[in-house]
Amino acid sequence: MEFKITLTEEDIKNYPNNYELGTFIKKHYIQYLSSKFDKCLTCGKESSYTDNSPVEDRVGYVEGLGQVCFEPNICKN
């Protein structure tokens, strides 16, 4: 499993020591683990996107419909 978090310069300034920054990152990791992964509406395969992944960062998301694969060699339908 891969977990990516983007830290801004402002985040680093708001958490001036390693302990506080580590706590901030750990909080986001726990939220990630407790999230459910969206499934392709066509074939039912679990996607790599959680239910709280930003829509604009997703591949294969159809607004008003949901997450689909858009990978013909993987999606069975």
Protein backbone atom coordinates (compact mmCIF):
# COMPACT_ATOMS: atom_id res chain seq x y z
CA MET A 1 0.00 0.00 0.00
CA GLU A 2 1.26 3.43 -0.88
CA PHE A 3 0.39 6.52 1.13
CA LYS A 4 1.12 9.97 -0.23
CA ILE A 5 0.76 13.23 1.63
CA THR A 6 1.59 16.66 0.34
CA LEU A 7 3.12 19.08 2.80
CA THR A 8 3.08 22.75 2.05
CA GLU A 9 5.59 25.28 3.27
CA GLU A 10 2.82 26.61 5.52
CA ASP A 11 2.34 23.13 7.06
CA ILE A 12 6.03 22.95 7.89
CA LYS A 13 5.96 26.43 9.42
CA ASN A 14 2.87 25.56 11.49
CA TYR A 15 4.61 22.49 12.95
CA PRO A 16 8.06 23.80 13.88
CA ASN A 17 9.41 20.63 15.47
CA ASN A 18 9.65 17.05 14.25
CA TYR A 19 7.29 15.67 16.90
CA GLU A 20 4.43 18.02 15.95
CA LEU A 21 5.01 17.45 12.22
CA GLY A 22 5.09 13.69 12.76
CA THR A 23 1.83 13.87 14.72
CA PHE A 24 0.26 15.85 11.87
CA ILE A 25 1.36 13.23 9.31
CA LYS A 26 0.24 10.33 11.52
CA LYS A 27 -3.22 11.91 11.86
CA HIS A 28 -3.58 12.00 8.08
CA TYR A 29 -2.33 8.42 7.80
CA ILE A 30 -4.94 7.20 10.28
CA GLN A 31 -7.66 9.04 8.35
CA TYR A 32 -6.39 7.35 5.18
CA LEU A 33 -6.53 3.89 6.76
CA SER A 34 -10.05 4.44 8.04
CA SER A 35 -11.28 5.53 4.60
CA LYS A 36 -13.04 3.16 2.24
CA PHE A 37 -11.69 2.61 -1.25
CA ASP A 38 -14.07 3.41 -4.10
CA LYS A 39 -14.92 0.60 -6.50
CA CYS A 40 -15.35 0.73 -10.25
CA LEU A 41 -19.05 1.13 -10.97
CA THR A 42 -18.65 -1.03 -14.08
CA CYS A 43 -16.67 -4.08 -12.89
CA GLY A 44 -16.60 -3.66 -9.10
CA LYS A 45 -12.77 -3.72 -8.84
CA GLU A 46 -11.43 -1.67 -5.92
CA SER A 47 -9.76 1.53 -7.10
CA SER A 48 -6.70 3.16 -5.59
CA TYR A 49 -8.83 6.15 -4.51
CA THR A 50 -10.43 6.52 -1.10
CA ASP A 51 -13.84 8.01 -0.57
CA ASN A 52 -12.19 11.26 0.52
CA SER A 53 -9.71 11.52 -2.40
CA PRO A 54 -10.12 14.85 -4.22
CA VAL A 55 -12.13 14.37 -7.41
CA GLU A 56 -9.79 16.58 -9.42
CA ASP A 57 -6.85 14.24 -8.62
CA ARG A 58 -8.61 11.07 -9.83
CA VAL A 59 -8.37 9.26 -13.14
CA GLY A 60 -11.62 7.67 -14.30
CA TYR A 61 -14.02 9.68 -12.15
CA VAL A 62 -17.25 10.71 -13.89
CA GLU A 63 -19.05 13.58 -12.20
CA GLY A 64 -22.60 12.63 -11.28
CA LEU A 65 -21.80 8.93 -11.75
CA GLY A 66 -18.73 8.00 -9.72
CA GLN A 67 -15.49 6.09 -10.08
CA VAL A 68 -14.89 3.80 -13.07
CA CYS A 69 -11.73 2.08 -14.31
CA PHE A 70 -11.34 3.48 -17.82
CA GLU A 71 -8.77 0.72 -18.30
CA PRO A 72 -10.13 -1.70 -20.93
CA ASN A 73 -7.46 -4.30 -20.25
CA ILE A 74 -8.39 -4.37 -16.54
CA CYS A 75 -12.09 -3.53 -16.46
CA LYS A 76 -14.14 -6.62 -17.33
CA ASN A 77 -17.25 -4.76 -18.51
